[in-house]
C-alpha atoms as a PDB file:
ATOM      1  CA  UNK A   1     -22.924  95.551 -96.701  1.00  0.00           C
ATOM      2  CA  UNK A   2     -21.158  93.047 -94.445  1.00  0.00           C
ATOM      3  CA  UNK A   3     -18.594  90.619 -95.817  1.00  0.00           C
ATOM      4  CA  UNK A   4     -18.425  87.194 -94.225  1.00  0.00           C
ATOM      5  CA  UNK A   5     -15.172  85.268 -94.284  1.00  0.00           C
ATOM      6  CA  UNK A   6     -15.220  81.519 -94.531  1.00  0.00           C
ATOM      7  CA  UNK A   7     -12.644  80.040 -92.171  1.00  0.00           C
ATOM      8  CA  UNK A   8     -11.174  76.618 -92.791  1.00  0.00           C
ATOM      9  CA  UNK A   9      -8.314  74.473 -91.578  1.00  0.00           C
ATOM     10  CA  UNK A  10      -5.061  73.555 -93.324  1.00  0.00           C
ATOM     11  CA  UNK A  11      -4.017  69.904 -93.307  1.00  0.00           C
ATOM     12  CA  UNK A  12      -0.506  71.147 -92.464  1.00  0.00           C
ATOM     13  CA  UNK A  13      -1.817  72.274 -89.068  1.00  0.00           C
ATOM     14  CA  UNK A  14      -3.164  68.816 -88.245  1.00  0.00           C
ATOM     15  CA  UNK A  15      -0.161  66.750 -89.312  1.00  0.00           C
ATOM     16  CA  UNK A  16       0.290  64.959 -85.962  1.00  0.00           C
ATOM     17  CA  UNK A  17      -3.262  63.573 -86.204  1.00  0.00           C
ATOM     18  CA  UNK A  18      -2.333  61.667 -89.394  1.00  0.00           C
ATOM     19  CA  UNK A  19      -5.794  62.061 -90.916  1.00  0.00           C
ATOM     20  CA  UNK A  20      -6.421  60.745 -94.403  1.00  0.00           C
ATOM     21  CA  UNK A  21      -8.252  63.163 -96.740  1.00  0.00           C
ATOM     22  CA  UNK A  22     -11.741  61.859 -95.932  1.00  0.00           C
ATOM     23  CA  UNK A  23     -11.067  61.847 -92.191  1.00  0.00           C
ATOM     24  CA  UNK A  24      -9.704  65.385 -92.444  1.00  0.00           C
ATOM     25  CA  UNK A  25     -12.976  66.568 -93.970  1.00  0.00           C
ATOM     26  CA  UNK A  26     -14.927  64.894 -91.167  1.00  0.00           C
ATOM     27  CA  UNK A  27     -12.649  66.540 -88.566  1.00  0.00           C
ATOM     28  CA  UNK A  28     -13.122  69.946 -90.185  1.00  0.00           C
ATOM     29  CA  UNK A  29     -16.906  69.622 -90.147  1.00  0.00           C
ATOM     30  CA  UNK A  30     -16.985  68.343 -86.560  1.00  0.00           C
ATOM     31  CA  UNK A  31     -14.919  71.318 -85.385  1.00  0.00           C
ATOM     32  CA  UNK A  32     -16.919  74.010 -87.153  1.00  0.00           C
ATOM     33  CA  UNK A  33     -14.586  74.748 -90.058  1.00  0.00           C
ATOM     34  CA  UNK A  34     -16.025  75.979 -93.348  1.00  0.00           C
ATOM     35  CA  UNK A  35     -13.506  74.129 -95.488  1.00  0.00           C
ATOM     36  CA  UNK A  36     -10.107  72.522 -95.832  1.00  0.00           C
ATOM     37  CA  UNK A  37      -6.842  73.461 -97.496  1.00  0.00           C
ATOM     38  CA  UNK A  38      -4.851  70.380 -98.485  1.00  0.00           C
ATOM     39  CA  UNK A  39      -1.203  71.352 -98.106  1.00  0.00           C
ATOM     40  CA  UNK A  40      -0.080  67.877 -97.062  1.00  0.00           C
ATOM     41  CA  UNK A  41      -1.843  64.613 -97.868  1.00  0.00           C
ATOM     42  CA  UNK A  42      -1.632  61.763 -95.368  1.00  0.00           C
ATOM     43  CA  UNK A  43      -2.493  58.377 -96.846  1.00  0.00           C
ATOM     44  CA  UNK A  44      -3.097  55.138 -94.982  1.00  0.00           C
ATOM     45  CA  UNK A  45      -0.627  52.287 -95.624  1.00  0.00           C
ATOM     46  CA  UNK A  46      -1.392  50.882 -99.060  1.00  0.00           C
ATOM     47  CA  UNK A  47      -3.575  53.862 -99.988  1.00  0.00           C
ATOM     48  CA  UNK A  48      -2.777  55.906-103.111  1.00  0.00           C
ATOM     49  CA  UNK A  49      -4.040  59.259-104.332  1.00  0.00           C
ATOM     50  CA  UNK A  50      -5.964  57.800-107.264  1.00  0.00           C
ATOM     51  CA  UNK A  51      -8.844  59.380-109.165  1.00  0.00           C
ATOM     52  CA  UNK A  52     -11.494  57.391-107.290  1.00  0.00           C
ATOM     53  CA  UNK A  53     -10.259  58.653-103.915  1.00  0.00           C
ATOM     54  CA  UNK A  54     -10.070  62.217-105.210  1.00  0.00           C
ATOM     55  CA  UNK A  55     -13.642  61.956-106.480  1.00  0.00           C
ATOM     56  CA  UNK A  56     -14.716  60.622-103.075  1.00  0.00           C
ATOM     57  CA  UNK A  57     -13.037  63.603-101.415  1.00  0.00           C
ATOM     58  CA  UNK A  58     -14.969  65.962-103.674  1.00  0.00           C
ATOM     59  CA  UNK A  59     -18.269  64.240-102.955  1.00  0.00           C
ATOM     60  CA  UNK A  60     -17.635  64.114 -99.206  1.00  0.00           C
ATOM     61  CA  UNK A  61     -16.735  67.810 -99.126  1.00  0.00           C
ATOM     62  CA  UNK A  62     -19.850  68.736-101.093  1.00  0.00           C
ATOM     63  CA  UNK A  63     -22.014  66.576 -98.854  1.00  0.00           C
ATOM     64  CA  UNK A  64     -20.597  68.250 -95.753  1.00  0.00           C
ATOM     65  CA  UNK A  65     -20.909  71.722 -97.266  1.00  0.00           C
ATOM     66  CA  UNK A  66     -17.155  72.353 -97.103  1.00  0.00           C
ATOM     67  CA  UNK A  67     -15.027  74.271 -99.569  1.00  0.00           C
ATOM     68  CA  UNK A  68     -11.761  72.676-100.703  1.00  0.00           C
ATOM     69  CA  UNK A  69      -8.461  74.268-101.684  1.00  0.00           C
ATOM     70  CA  UNK A  70      -5.777  72.035-103.147  1.00  0.00           C
ATOM     71  CA  UNK A  71      -1.966  72.024-102.996  1.00  0.00           C
ATOM     72  CA  UNK A  72       0.915  70.588-104.954  1.00  0.00           C
ATOM     73  CA  UNK A  73       1.537  73.525-107.282  1.00  0.00           C
ATOM     74  CA  UNK A  74       4.953  75.066-107.929  1.00  0.00           C
ATOM     75  CA  UNK A  75       6.141  78.270-109.566  1.00  0.00           C
ATOM     76  CA  UNK A  76       9.936  78.468-109.221  1.00  0.00           C
ATOM     77  CA  UNK A  77      11.263  76.595-112.301  1.00  0.00           C
ATOM     78  CA  UNK A  78      14.398  75.332-110.583  1.00  0.00           C
ATOM     79  CA  UNK A  79      15.343  72.415-108.378  1.00  0.00           C
ATOM     80  CA  UNK A  80      16.050  74.391-105.209  1.00  0.00           C
ATOM     81  CA  UNK A  81      18.651  71.836-104.080  1.00  0.00           C
ATOM     82  CA  UNK A  82      20.814  72.104-107.197  1.00  0.00           C
ATOM     83  CA  UNK A  83      19.359  75.172-108.963  1.00  0.00           C
ATOM     84  CA  UNK A  84      19.138  73.234-112.183  1.00  0.00           C
ATOM     85  CA  UNK A  85      16.155  74.107-114.439  1.00  0.00           C
ATOM     86  CA  UNK A  86      12.944  72.222-113.721  1.00  0.00           C
ATOM     87  CA  UNK A  87       9.876  71.702-115.921  1.00  0.00           C
ATOM     88  CA  UNK A  88       6.865  72.674-113.822  1.00  0.00           C
ATOM     89  CA  UNK A  89       4.092  72.102-116.343  1.00  0.00           C
ATOM     90  CA  UNK A  90       3.651  68.356-115.647  1.00  0.00           C
ATOM     91  CA  UNK A  91       3.632  69.024-111.897  1.00  0.00           C
ATOM     92  CA  UNK A  92       1.077  71.812-112.111  1.00  0.00           C
ATOM     93  CA  UNK A  93      -1.117  69.973-114.596  1.00  0.00           C
ATOM     94  CA  UNK A  94      -1.330  66.972-112.257  1.00  0.00           C
ATOM     95  CA  UNK A  95      -2.220  69.268-109.335  1.00  0.00           C
ATOM     96  CA  UNK A  96      -4.797  71.116-111.451  1.00  0.00           C
ATOM     97  CA  UNK A  97      -6.478  67.900-112.584  1.00  0.00           C
ATOM     98  CA  UNK A  98      -6.529  66.605-109.015  1.00  0.00           C
ATOM     99  CA  UNK A  99      -8.106  69.880-107.916  1.00  0.00           C
ATOM    100  CA  UNK A 100     -10.894  69.488-110.464  1.00  0.00           C
ATOM    101  CA  UNK A 101     -11.698  66.020-109.108  1.00  0.00           C
ATOM    102  CA  UNK A 102     -12.009  67.284-105.519  1.00  0.00           C
ATOM    103  CA  UNK A 103     -14.050  70.303-106.589  1.00  0.00           C
ATOM    104  CA  UNK A 104     -11.362  72.891-105.865  1.00  0.00           C
ATOM    105  CA  UNK A 105     -10.690  75.908-108.032  1.00  0.00           C
ATOM    106  CA  UNK A 106      -7.586  77.081-106.162  1.00  0.00           C
ATOM    107  CA  UNK A 107      -4.247  75.250-106.247  1.00  0.00           C
ATOM    108  CA  UNK A 108      -1.666  76.602-103.828  1.00  0.00           C
ATOM    109  CA  UNK A 109       1.827  76.992-105.251  1.00  0.00           C
ATOM    110  CA  UNK A 110       4.773  76.986-102.862  1.00  0.00           C
ATOM    111  CA  UNK A 111       8.431  77.369-103.773  1.00  0.00           C
ATOM    112  CA  UNK A 112       9.499  75.467-100.676  1.00  0.00           C
ATOM    113  CA  UNK A 113      12.840  77.206-100.261  1.00  0.00           C
ATOM    114  CA  UNK A 114      14.552  80.080 -98.474  1.00  0.00           C
ATOM    115  CA  UNK A 115      15.778  81.771-101.653  1.00  0.00           C
ATOM    116  CA  UNK A 116      16.648  85.111-100.101  1.00  0.00           C
ATOM    117  CA  UNK A 117      18.785  83.398 -97.463  1.00  0.00           C
ATOM    118  CA  UNK A 118      20.862  81.300 -99.872  1.00  0.00           C
ATOM    119  CA  UNK A 119      24.034  82.490-101.574  1.00  0.00           C
ATOM    120  CA  UNK A 120      23.611  79.656-104.086  1.00  0.00           C
ATOM    121  CA  UNK A 121      20.207  80.847-105.298  1.00  0.00           C
ATOM    122  CA  UNK A 122      19.968  82.809-108.550  1.00  0.00           C
ATOM    123  CA  UNK A 123      19.480  86.580-108.207  1.00  0.00           C
ATOM    124  CA  UNK A 124      15.916  87.710-107.614  1.00  0.00           C
ATOM    125  CA  UNK A 125      15.752  89.244-111.089  1.00  0.00           C
ATOM    126  CA  UNK A 126      16.612  85.855-112.585  1.00  0.00           C
ATOM    127  CA  UNK A 127      13.982  84.134-110.460  1.00  0.00           C
ATOM    128  CA  UNK A 128      11.385  86.687-111.541  1.00  0.00           C
ATOM    129  CA  UNK A 129      12.257  86.387-115.213  1.00  0.00           C
ATOM    130  CA  UNK A 130      12.303  82.582-115.285  1.00  0.00           C
ATOM    131  CA  UNK A 131       9.189  82.265-113.114  1.00  0.00           C
ATOM    132  CA  UNK A 132       7.316  84.587-115.456  1.00  0.00           C
ATOM    133  CA  UNK A 133       8.511  82.578-118.451  1.00  0.00           C
ATOM    134  CA  UNK A 134       7.302  79.315-116.872  1.00  0.00           C
ATOM    135  CA  UNK A 135       3.933  80.711-115.781  1.00  0.00           C
ATOM    136  CA  UNK A 136       3.164  82.368-119.112  1.00  0.00           C
ATOM    137  CA  UNK A 137       3.551  78.979-120.788  1.00  0.00           C
ATOM    138  CA  UNK A 138       1.007  77.447-118.387  1.00  0.00           C
ATOM    139  CA  UNK A 139      -1.718  80.080-118.511  1.00  0.00           C
ATOM    140  CA  UNK A 140      -3.673  78.380-121.293  1.00  0.00           C
ATOM    141  CA  UNK A 141      -3.617  75.027-119.473  1.00  0.00           C
ATOM    142  CA  UNK A 142      -4.748  76.562-116.178  1.00  0.00           C
ATOM    143  CA  UNK A 143      -7.481  78.566-117.884  1.00  0.00           C
ATOM    144  CA  UNK A 144      -8.762  75.527-119.775  1.00  0.00           C
ATOM    145  CA  UNK A 145      -8.983  73.551-116.533  1.00  0.00           C
ATOM    146  CA  UNK A 146     -10.603  76.453-114.669  1.00  0.00           C
ATOM    147  CA  UNK A 147      -7.875  76.574-112.033  1.00  0.00           C
ATOM    148  CA  UNK A 148      -6.224  79.497-110.244  1.00  0.00           C
ATOM    149  CA  UNK A 149      -2.591  78.866-109.339  1.00  0.00           C
ATOM    150  CA  UNK A 150      -2.256  80.678-106.006  1.00  0.00           C
ATOM    151  CA  UNK A 151       1.370  81.676-105.443  1.00  0.00           C
ATOM    152  CA  UNK A 152       2.046  81.618-101.731  1.00  0.00           C
ATOM    153  CA  UNK A 153       3.576  84.736-100.242  1.00  0.00           C
ATOM    154  CA  UNK A 154       6.614  82.810 -99.127  1.00  0.00           C
ATOM    155  CA  UNK A 155      10.330  83.624 -98.882  1.00  0.00           C
ATOM    156  CA  UNK A 156      11.363  84.494-102.427  1.00  0.00           C
ATOM    157  CA  UNK A 157       9.331  87.531-103.527  1.00  0.00           C
ATOM    158  CA  UNK A 158       7.936  90.606-101.786  1.00  0.00           C
ATOM    159  CA  UNK A 159       4.502  91.947-102.704  1.00  0.00           C
ATOM    160  CA  UNK A 160       6.221  94.594-104.837  1.00  0.00           C
ATOM    161  CA  UNK A 161       8.011  91.868-106.779  1.00  0.00           C
ATOM    162  CA  UNK A 162       4.897  89.709-107.078  1.00  0.00           C
ATOM    163  CA  UNK A 163       3.063  92.603-108.698  1.00  0.00           C
ATOM    164  CA  UNK A 164       5.944  92.878-111.158  1.00  0.00           C
ATOM    165  CA  UNK A 165       5.711  89.133-111.771  1.00  0.00           C
ATOM    166  CA  UNK A 166       2.021  89.342-112.639  1.00  0.00           C
ATOM    167  CA  UNK A 167       2.748  92.229-114.975  1.00  0.00           C
ATOM    168  CA  UNK A 168       5.463  90.167-116.667  1.00  0.00           C
ATOM    169  CA  UNK A 169       2.899  87.370-117.092  1.00  0.00           C
ATOM    170  CA  UNK A 170       0.313  89.736-118.632  1.00  0.00           C
ATOM    171  CA  UNK A 171      -2.041  88.574-115.876  1.00  0.00           C
ATOM    172  CA  UNK A 172      -5.038  90.310-114.346  1.00  0.00           C
ATOM    173  CA  UNK A 173      -6.846  89.748-111.022  1.00  0.00           C
ATOM    174  CA  UNK A 174      -9.584  87.177-111.419  1.00  0.00           C
ATOM    175  CA  UNK A 175      -7.607  85.147-113.948  1.00  0.00           C
ATOM    176  CA  UNK A 176      -5.601  81.943-113.674  1.00  0.00           C
ATOM    177  CA  UNK A 177      -2.892  83.404-111.408  1.00  0.00           C
ATOM    178  CA  UNK A 178      -3.446  84.631-107.873  1.00  0.00           C
ATOM    179  CA  UNK A 179      -2.001  84.827-104.380  1.00  0.00           C
ATOM    180  CA  UNK A 180      -2.188  82.662-101.286  1.00  0.00           C
ATOM    181  CA  UNK A 181      -1.725  85.366 -98.640  1.00  0.00           C
ATOM    182  CA  UNK A 182       0.399  84.272 -95.680  1.00  0.00           C
ATOM    183  CA  UNK A 183       0.174  87.104 -93.173  1.00  0.00           C
ATOM    184  CA  UNK A 184       3.198  85.984 -91.139  1.00  0.00           C
ATOM    185  CA  UNK A 185       5.451  85.532 -94.158  1.00  0.00           C
ATOM    186  CA  UNK A 186       4.913  89.185 -95.005  1.00  0.00           C
ATOM    187  CA  UNK A 187       6.549  90.029 -91.701  1.00  0.00           C
ATOM    188  CA  UNK A 188       9.396  87.575 -92.282  1.00  0.00           C
ATOM    189  CA  UNK A 189      10.070  89.319 -95.603  1.00  0.00           C
ATOM    190  CA  UNK A 190      10.296  92.597 -93.636  1.00  0.00           C
ATOM    191  CA  UNK A 191       7.069  94.009 -95.044  1.00  0.00           C
ATOM    192  CA  UNK A 192       4.382  95.715 -93.024  1.00  0.00           C
ATOM    193  CA  UNK A 193       1.660  93.011 -92.966  1.00  0.00           C
ATOM    194  CA  UNK A 194      -1.180  95.503 -93.345  1.00  0.00           C
ATOM    195  CA  UNK A 195       0.420  97.530 -96.136  1.00  0.00           C
ATOM    196  CA  UNK A 196       1.533  94.371 -97.927  1.00  0.00           C
ATOM    197  CA  UNK A 197      -1.955  92.892 -97.708  1.00  0.00           C
ATOM    198  CA  UNK A 198      -3.543  96.045 -99.087  1.00  0.00           C
ATOM    199  CA  UNK A 199      -1.014  96.110-101.919  1.00  0.00           C
ATOM    200  CA  UNK A 200      -1.623  92.522-103.055  1.00  0.00           C
ATOM    201  CA  UNK A 201      -5.296  92.211-102.020  1.00  0.00           C
ATOM    202  CA  UNK A 202      -6.848  92.223-105.532  1.00  0.00           C
ATOM    203  CA  UNK A 203      -4.903  89.053-106.276  1.00  0.00           C
ATOM    204  CA  UNK A 204      -5.702  87.123-103.082  1.00  0.00           C
ATOM    205  CA  UNK A 205      -7.680  83.908-103.608  1.00  0.00           C
ATOM    206  CA  UNK A 206      -6.615  81.989-100.479  1.00  0.00           C
ATOM    207  CA  UNK A 207      -5.201  82.872 -97.074  1.00  0.00           C
ATOM    208  CA  UNK A 208      -2.945  81.437 -94.393  1.00  0.00           C
ATOM    209  CA  UNK A 209      -3.934  83.488 -91.340  1.00  0.00           C
ATOM    210  CA  UNK A 210      -0.910  83.544 -89.027  1.00  0.00           C
ATOM    211  CA  UNK A 211       0.360  85.903 -86.361  1.00  0.00           C
ATOM    212  CA  UNK A 212       3.823  86.478 -84.975  1.00  0.00           C
ATOM    213  CA  UNK A 213       6.607  88.991 -84.542  1.00  0.00           C
ATOM    214  CA  UNK A 214      10.300  89.684 -85.037  1.00  0.00           C
ATOM    215  CA  UNK A 215      13.001  89.867 -82.393  1.00  0.00           C
ATOM    216  CA  UNK A 216      16.629  90.883 -82.483  1.00  0.00           C
ATOM    217  CA  UNK A 217      19.154  88.170 -81.623  1.00  0.00           C
ATOM    218  CA  UNK A 218      22.943  87.977 -81.750  1.00  0.00           C
ATOM    219  CA  UNK A 219      22.570  86.370 -85.189  1.00  0.00           C
ATOM    220  CA  UNK A 220      20.221  89.066 -86.470  1.00  0.00           C
ATOM    221  CA  UNK A 221      16.459  89.327 -86.798  1.00  0.00           C
ATOM    222  CA  UNK A 222      14.476  86.204 -85.980  1.00  0.00           C
ATOM    223  CA  UNK A 223      10.825  85.681 -86.878  1.00  0.00           C
ATOM    224  CA  UNK A 224       8.503  83.555 -84.767  1.00  0.00           C
ATOM    225  CA  UNK A 225       4.818  82.694 -84.794  1.00  0.00           C
ATOM    226  CA  UNK A 226       2.243  83.188 -82.054  1.00  0.00           C
ATOM    227  CA  UNK A 227      -1.417  82.507 -81.492  1.00  0.00           C
ATOM    228  CA  UNK A 228      -3.519  84.965 -83.474  1.00  0.00           C
ATOM    229  CA  UNK A 229      -3.926  88.070 -81.353  1.00  0.00           C
ATOM    230  CA  UNK A 230      -0.614  87.698 -79.528  1.00  0.00           C
ATOM    231  CA  UNK A 231       1.630  88.940 -82.344  1.00  0.00           C
ATOM    232  CA  UNK A 232       2.002  92.199 -84.228  1.00  0.00           C
ATOM    233  CA  UNK A 233      -0.211  91.411 -87.239  1.00  0.00           C
ATOM    234  CA  UNK A 234      -3.149  93.819 -87.037  1.00  0.00           C
ATOM    235  CA  UNK A 235      -6.016  91.407 -87.749  1.00  0.00           C
ATOM    236  CA  UNK A 236      -8.838  93.761 -86.638  1.00  0.00           C
ATOM    237  CA  UNK A 237      -7.807  96.203 -89.379  1.00  0.00           C
END
């Protein structure tokens, strides 16, 4: 049996084109993509992300035969500038309801901070405990709306720690919590990309396919991205 991957484009990758959501869908279709992942939303002057526009996005995507993945979710219950507690439920509920309107089941969640590089950040154990507390309280809401909150493999937790997080949330693969697999971020977190992918694979519901490598500088290890095939991520495997 052969598995076929659907390959889409992330709005983040097309930022310089300044495409509004409908134009982004048209671009994706014209360039052979199977879908779109809305990390960033560019709106025309005077345009707002209202329910009517979101419904139009869903209809346009369905008409073009494109899948849609949404963004705007968060999972670290702190303001990463001040490290004061932050209520994530309103943020994630808005993102989940927007996702329903555009026909997406997956909402990407990104912490948006370099936690492991900051001396001001809480210890990882604190981040795990408080993240689990926040996510447990949102499981019923996400389940009711039929949404999977896809935690991006970013710069706060390794795959080992993410598995602990899901255990702390009493979550199972196929439920309301999952992973947005970023293959390059695995490397930045000093994990073997292949081993890390295999470890977290049952939880993966979305992917950022990126290649790159690490190099040693006077300041320490530096990560950098490359075109797929020119880095050290073993995509054929």
